[in-house]
Amino acid sequence: MVPARLVWEDGQDFVFRDDQGLPVMVPAYDPVLEDFTEKHRHHYDDNQLGFSGVIQVVQVDQRTWDSVDVVTRVKDQLQKQTGQFYAEQDEYKAAALKCYNDHGNPDITTGCRDYMADSKRIGPAQYDDGEGRVVRVPDKYRQYLCYICPYQQSYINVELRRRKGMYKDPKQANIFKRAR
């Protein structure tokens, strides 16, 4: 066992202490923690990890640890987050369908009047990088409500596939004309 400490490459050293001021003792090497830390560094320098919130390790006493059913809590949190994900996904689908209906169910001949417009973008066009700089989101990473709209799925994607020659079968080549 060794004292629990954080040592940065630049020489900074921090020792964790218990309520009586004594060093907290931990195993000399924890391969799971080492693997976790390396996977979640995200190219940050050592002095940016830990206290800045990139990796947060919380110290608790053994009695508290034993009293909490960790597995159940983690499962509950994962289930809650999964539910939120699907709720947000359904929200976008409903918004895309409402937009499609509001525009009179456009097709390839009529087109959509605000297809891929900034008003249909999901998320911000720029963000703060945490160091005071504003970074513009490149166009190729922008997401639009139009991507999940029936207009995109039923007409645009089919037309793009047709232009790429993906409908080689003569019966399939006319599927786009029959869909109108």
C-alpha atoms as a PDB file:
ATOM      1  CA  MET A   1       0.000   0.000   0.000  1.00  0.00           C
ATOM      2  CA  VAL A   2       1.167   3.528  -0.823  1.00  0.00           C
ATOM      3  CA  PRO A   3      -0.249   7.006  -0.108  1.00  0.00           C
ATOM      4  CA  ALA A   4      -2.897   8.104  -2.644  1.00  0.00           C
ATOM      5  CA  ARG A   5      -1.326  10.912  -4.602  1.00  0.00           C
ATOM      6  CA  LEU A   6      -1.450  12.735  -7.891  1.00  0.00           C
ATOM      7  CA  VAL A   7       1.933  13.576  -9.399  1.00  0.00           C
ATOM      8  CA  TRP A   8       2.115  15.631 -12.575  1.00  0.00           C
ATOM      9  CA  GLU A   9       4.962  15.537 -15.078  1.00  0.00           C
ATOM     10  CA  ASP A  10       5.847  19.133 -14.189  1.00  0.00           C
ATOM     11  CA  GLY A  11       6.558  18.108 -10.579  1.00  0.00           C
ATOM     12  CA  GLN A  12       3.326  19.087  -8.841  1.00  0.00           C
ATOM     13  CA  ASP A  13       2.408  16.613  -6.125  1.00  0.00           C
ATOM     14  CA  PHE A  14      -0.869  16.214  -4.219  1.00  0.00           C
ATOM     15  CA  VAL A  15      -1.452  13.673  -1.422  1.00  0.00           C
ATOM     16  CA  PHE A  16      -5.040  12.726  -0.483  1.00  0.00           C
ATOM     17  CA  ARG A  17      -5.684  12.828   3.270  1.00  0.00           C
ATOM     18  CA  ASP A  18      -8.425  11.370   5.465  1.00  0.00           C
ATOM     19  CA  ASP A  19     -10.453  13.197   8.146  1.00  0.00           C
ATOM     20  CA  GLN A  20      -7.592  12.878  10.670  1.00  0.00           C
ATOM     21  CA  GLY A  21      -5.059  14.340   8.206  1.00  0.00           C
ATOM     22  CA  LEU A  22      -3.304  11.029   7.574  1.00  0.00           C
ATOM     23  CA  PRO A  23      -2.465   9.944   4.011  1.00  0.00           C
ATOM     24  CA  VAL A  24      -5.094   7.702   2.390  1.00  0.00           C
ATOM     25  CA  MET A  25      -3.462   4.381   1.548  1.00  0.00           C
ATOM     26  CA  VAL A  26      -4.213   2.661  -1.784  1.00  0.00           C
ATOM     27  CA  PRO A  27      -2.748  -0.297  -3.727  1.00  0.00           C
ATOM     28  CA  ALA A  28       0.575   0.543  -5.361  1.00  0.00           C
ATOM     29  CA  TYR A  29      -0.785  -0.196  -8.841  1.00  0.00           C
ATOM     30  CA  ASP A  30      -4.380  -0.271 -10.101  1.00  0.00           C
ATOM     31  CA  PRO A  31      -4.432  -1.538 -13.709  1.00  0.00           C
ATOM     32  CA  VAL A  32      -8.144  -0.776 -14.171  1.00  0.00           C
ATOM     33  CA  LEU A  33      -7.708   2.829 -13.045  1.00  0.00           C
ATOM     34  CA  GLU A  34      -4.614   3.220 -15.231  1.00  0.00           C
ATOM     35  CA  ASP A  35      -6.470   1.881 -18.276  1.00  0.00           C
ATOM     36  CA  PHE A  36      -9.493   4.101 -17.568  1.00  0.00           C
ATOM     37  CA  THR A  37      -7.292   7.174 -17.167  1.00  0.00           C
ATOM     38  CA  GLU A  38      -5.383   6.565 -20.388  1.00  0.00           C
ATOM     39  CA  LYS A  39      -8.590   5.977 -22.374  1.00  0.00           C
ATOM     40  CA  HIS A  40     -10.203   9.158 -21.083  1.00  0.00           C
ATOM     41  CA  ARG A  41      -7.322  11.639 -21.272  1.00  0.00           C
ATOM     42  CA  HIS A  42      -8.641  13.032 -24.576  1.00  0.00           C
ATOM     43  CA  HIS A  43      -5.207  14.501 -25.347  1.00  0.00           C
ATOM     44  CA  TYR A  44      -5.247  16.790 -22.295  1.00  0.00           C
ATOM     45  CA  ASP A  45      -2.025  17.655 -20.485  1.00  0.00           C
ATOM     46  CA  ASP A  46      -1.527  16.145 -17.027  1.00  0.00           C
ATOM     47  CA  ASN A  47      -2.207  19.442 -15.274  1.00  0.00           C
ATOM     48  CA  GLN A  48      -5.590  19.738 -17.041  1.00  0.00           C
ATOM     49  CA  LEU A  49      -6.810  16.392 -15.699  1.00  0.00           C
ATOM     50  CA  GLY A  50      -8.323  15.731 -12.301  1.00  0.00           C
ATOM     51  CA  PHE A  51      -9.409  18.957 -10.672  1.00  0.00           C
ATOM     52  CA  SER A  52     -10.569  20.696 -13.867  1.00  0.00           C
ATOM     53  CA  GLY A  53     -13.382  18.169 -14.276  1.00  0.00           C
ATOM     54  CA  VAL A  54     -12.055  16.057 -17.146  1.00  0.00           C
ATOM     55  CA  ILE A  55     -11.645  13.036 -14.875  1.00  0.00           C
ATOM     56  CA  GLN A  56     -13.338  13.131 -11.515  1.00  0.00           C
ATOM     57  CA  VAL A  57     -12.433  10.640  -8.825  1.00  0.00           C
ATOM     58  CA  VAL A  58     -14.483  10.868  -5.650  1.00  0.00           C
ATOM     59  CA  GLN A  59     -13.103   9.636  -2.363  1.00  0.00           C
ATOM     60  CA  VAL A  60     -15.533   7.953   0.060  1.00  0.00           C
ATOM     61  CA  ASP A  61     -15.035   5.936   3.227  1.00  0.00           C
ATOM     62  CA  GLN A  62     -15.593   2.176   3.205  1.00  0.00           C
ATOM     63  CA  ARG A  63     -18.860   2.359   5.176  1.00  0.00           C
ATOM     64  CA  THR A  64     -20.377   4.740   2.619  1.00  0.00           C
ATOM     65  CA  TRP A  65     -19.146   2.578  -0.267  1.00  0.00           C
ATOM     66  CA  ASP A  66     -20.636  -0.533   1.316  1.00  0.00           C
ATOM     67  CA  SER A  67     -23.991   1.172   1.984  1.00  0.00           C
ATOM     68  CA  VAL A  68     -24.512   2.185  -1.644  1.00  0.00           C
ATOM     69  CA  ASP A  69     -25.591  -0.388  -4.206  1.00  0.00           C
ATOM     70  CA  VAL A  70     -23.319   0.951  -6.938  1.00  0.00           C
ATOM     71  CA  VAL A  71     -24.420  -1.459  -9.666  1.00  0.00           C
ATOM     72  CA  THR A  72     -28.091  -0.577  -9.216  1.00  0.00           C
ATOM     73  CA  ARG A  73     -27.348   3.152  -9.245  1.00  0.00           C
ATOM     74  CA  VAL A  74     -25.256   2.887 -12.421  1.00  0.00           C
ATOM     75  CA  LYS A  75     -27.949   0.794 -14.144  1.00  0.00           C
ATOM     76  CA  ASP A  76     -30.618   3.322 -13.118  1.00  0.00           C
ATOM     77  CA  GLN A  77     -28.547   6.216 -14.482  1.00  0.00           C
ATOM     78  CA  LEU A  78     -27.893   4.383 -17.763  1.00  0.00           C
ATOM     79  CA  GLN A  79     -31.584   3.583 -18.132  1.00  0.00           C
ATOM     80  CA  LYS A  80     -32.489   7.218 -17.456  1.00  0.00           C
ATOM     81  CA  GLN A  81     -29.958   8.461 -20.019  1.00  0.00           C
ATOM     82  CA  THR A  82     -31.160   5.926 -22.592  1.00  0.00           C
ATOM     83  CA  GLY A  83     -34.740   7.095 -22.053  1.00  0.00           C
ATOM     84  CA  GLN A  84     -33.656  10.723 -22.508  1.00  0.00           C
ATOM     85  CA  PHE A  85     -31.849   9.806 -25.736  1.00  0.00           C
ATOM     86  CA  TYR A  86     -34.949   8.185 -27.217  1.00  0.00           C
ATOM     87  CA  ALA A  87     -37.177  11.019 -26.019  1.00  0.00           C
ATOM     88  CA  GLU A  88     -34.928  13.562 -27.769  1.00  0.00           C
ATOM     89  CA  GLN A  89     -34.792  11.392 -30.886  1.00  0.00           C
ATOM     90  CA  ASP A  90     -38.601  11.171 -30.948  1.00  0.00           C
ATOM     91  CA  GLU A  91     -38.800  14.936 -30.450  1.00  0.00           C
ATOM     92  CA  TYR A  92     -36.682  15.493 -33.583  1.00  0.00           C
ATOM     93  CA  LYS A  93     -38.717  12.989 -35.583  1.00  0.00           C
ATOM     94  CA  ALA A  94     -41.957  14.712 -34.572  1.00  0.00           C
ATOM     95  CA  ALA A  95     -40.529  18.138 -35.452  1.00  0.00           C
ATOM     96  CA  ALA A  96     -39.344  16.887 -38.866  1.00  0.00           C
ATOM     97  CA  LEU A  97     -42.732  15.338 -39.637  1.00  0.00           C
ATOM     98  CA  LYS A  98     -44.545  18.517 -38.554  1.00  0.00           C
ATOM     99  CA  CYS A  99     -42.290  20.602 -40.822  1.00  0.00           C
ATOM    100  CA  TYR A 100     -42.899  18.182 -43.711  1.00  0.00           C
ATOM    101  CA  ASN A 101     -46.676  18.407 -43.250  1.00  0.00           C
ATOM    102  CA  ASP A 102     -46.585  22.203 -42.794  1.00  0.00           C
ATOM    103  CA  HIS A 103     -44.841  22.481 -46.170  1.00  0.00           C
ATOM    104  CA  GLY A 104     -47.570  20.472 -47.899  1.00  0.00           C
ATOM    105  CA  ASN A 105     -45.651  17.181 -48.120  1.00  0.00           C
ATOM    106  CA  PRO A 106     -43.079  18.325 -50.699  1.00  0.00           C
ATOM    107  CA  ASP A 107     -41.714  15.926 -53.289  1.00  0.00           C
ATOM    108  CA  ILE A 108     -38.802  16.035 -55.716  1.00  0.00           C
ATOM    109  CA  THR A 109     -40.717  18.133 -58.246  1.00  0.00           C
ATOM    110  CA  THR A 110     -41.952  20.785 -55.805  1.00  0.00           C
ATOM    111  CA  GLY A 111     -38.951  20.770 -53.486  1.00  0.00           C
ATOM    112  CA  CYS A 112     -38.876  22.045 -49.924  1.00  0.00           C
ATOM    113  CA  ARG A 113     -38.634  25.792 -49.419  1.00  0.00           C
ATOM    114  CA  ASP A 114     -36.294  25.627 -46.409  1.00  0.00           C
ATOM    115  CA  TYR A 115     -34.392  22.400 -47.042  1.00  0.00           C
ATOM    116  CA  MET A 116     -31.046  22.569 -45.173  1.00  0.00           C
ATOM    117  CA  ALA A 117     -31.691  26.168 -44.094  1.00  0.00           C
ATOM    118  CA  ASP A 118     -29.981  27.517 -40.977  1.00  0.00           C
ATOM    119  CA  SER A 119     -33.368  27.586 -39.244  1.00  0.00           C
ATOM    120  CA  LYS A 120     -33.449  23.772 -39.507  1.00  0.00           C
ATOM    121  CA  ARG A 121     -29.990  23.242 -38.016  1.00  0.00           C
ATOM    122  CA  ILE A 122     -29.796  21.173 -34.839  1.00  0.00           C
ATOM    123  CA  GLY A 123     -27.267  22.532 -32.359  1.00  0.00           C
ATOM    124  CA  PRO A 124     -25.130  25.662 -32.397  1.00  0.00           C
ATOM    125  CA  ALA A 125     -23.135  26.971 -35.354  1.00  0.00           C
ATOM    126  CA  GLN A 126     -20.228  27.729 -33.032  1.00  0.00           C
ATOM    127  CA  TYR A 127     -19.072  26.896 -29.529  1.00  0.00           C
ATOM    128  CA  ASP A 128     -16.612  28.055 -26.888  1.00  0.00           C
ATOM    129  CA  ASP A 129     -13.586  25.734 -26.698  1.00  0.00           C
ATOM    130  CA  GLY A 130     -13.178  26.327 -22.962  1.00  0.00           C
ATOM    131  CA  GLU A 131     -10.140  28.554 -23.430  1.00  0.00           C
ATOM    132  CA  GLY A 132     -12.035  31.667 -24.461  1.00  0.00           C
ATOM    133  CA  ARG A 133     -11.910  30.991 -28.195  1.00  0.00           C
ATOM    134  CA  VAL A 134     -15.041  30.693 -30.309  1.00  0.00           C
ATOM    135  CA  VAL A 135     -14.829  27.802 -32.763  1.00  0.00           C
ATOM    136  CA  ARG A 136     -17.106  27.540 -35.809  1.00  0.00           C
ATOM    137  CA  VAL A 137     -18.586  24.088 -36.433  1.00  0.00           C
ATOM    138  CA  PRO A 138     -17.433  22.941 -39.908  1.00  0.00           C
ATOM    139  CA  ASP A 139     -20.259  22.409 -42.402  1.00  0.00           C
ATOM    140  CA  LYS A 140     -19.568  18.678 -42.700  1.00  0.00           C
ATOM    141  CA  TYR A 141     -20.326  18.222 -38.972  1.00  0.00           C
ATOM    142  CA  ARG A 142     -23.550  20.227 -38.862  1.00  0.00           C
ATOM    143  CA  GLN A 143     -26.766  18.328 -38.298  1.00  0.00           C
ATOM    144  CA  TYR A 144     -30.116  19.359 -39.742  1.00  0.00           C
ATOM    145  CA  LEU A 145     -33.696  18.397 -38.981  1.00  0.00           C
ATOM    146  CA  CYS A 146     -33.936  17.757 -42.712  1.00  0.00           C
ATOM    147  CA  TYR A 147     -31.819  14.590 -42.346  1.00  0.00           C
ATOM    148  CA  ILE A 148     -34.742  12.823 -40.632  1.00  0.00           C
ATOM    149  CA  CYS A 149     -37.522  14.401 -42.688  1.00  0.00           C
ATOM    150  CA  PRO A 150     -39.626  12.163 -44.983  1.00  0.00           C
ATOM    151  CA  TYR A 151     -38.641  14.482 -47.878  1.00  0.00           C
ATOM    152  CA  GLN A 152     -34.957  13.581 -47.381  1.00  0.00           C
ATOM    153  CA  GLN A 153     -35.646   9.891 -46.839  1.00  0.00           C
ATOM    154  CA  SER A 154     -38.221   9.374 -49.588  1.00  0.00           C
ATOM    155  CA  TYR A 155     -37.030  11.680 -52.338  1.00  0.00           C
ATOM    156  CA  ILE A 156     -33.528  13.091 -51.886  1.00  0.00           C
ATOM    157  CA  ASN A 157     -31.848   9.823 -50.866  1.00  0.00           C
ATOM    158  CA  VAL A 158     -33.601   7.873 -53.632  1.00  0.00           C
ATOM    159  CA  GLU A 159     -32.603  10.465 -56.236  1.00  0.00           C
ATOM    160  CA  LEU A 160     -28.988  10.439 -55.045  1.00  0.00           C
ATOM    161  CA  ARG A 161     -28.892   6.650 -55.280  1.00  0.00           C
ATOM    162  CA  ARG A 162     -30.446   6.784 -58.750  1.00  0.00           C
ATOM    163  CA  ARG A 163     -27.810   9.280 -59.922  1.00  0.00           C
ATOM    164  CA  LYS A 164     -25.058   7.007 -58.594  1.00  0.00           C
ATOM    165  CA  GLY A 165     -26.498   4.149 -60.647  1.00  0.00           C
ATOM    166  CA  MET A 166     -27.511   2.093 -57.663  1.00  0.00           C
ATOM    167  CA  TYR A 167     -30.794   1.096 -59.343  1.00  0.00           C
ATOM    168  CA  LYS A 168     -29.425  -1.096 -62.137  1.00  0.00           C
ATOM    169  CA  ASP A 169     -32.541  -3.247 -62.479  1.00  0.00           C
ATOM    170  CA  PRO A 170     -34.906  -1.634 -65.045  1.00  0.00           C
ATOM    171  CA  LYS A 171     -37.852  -2.249 -62.713  1.00  0.00           C
ATOM    172  CA  GLN A 172     -36.078  -0.415 -59.890  1.00  0.00           C
ATOM    173  CA  ALA A 173     -34.954   2.397 -62.203  1.00  0.00           C
ATOM    174  CA  ASN A 174     -38.595   3.402 -62.672  1.00  0.00           C
ATOM    175  CA  ILE A 175     -39.458   3.181 -58.979  1.00  0.00           C
ATOM    176  CA  PHE A 176     -38.721   6.880 -58.564  1.00  0.00           C
ATOM    177  CA  LYS A 177     -41.150   7.813 -61.372  1.00  0.00           C
ATOM    178  CA  ARG A 178     -43.857   5.561 -59.895  1.00  0.00           C
ATOM    179  CA  ALA A 179     -43.407   7.111 -56.427  1.00  0.00           C
ATOM    180  CA  ARG A 180     -44.696  10.516 -57.621  1.00  0.00           C
END
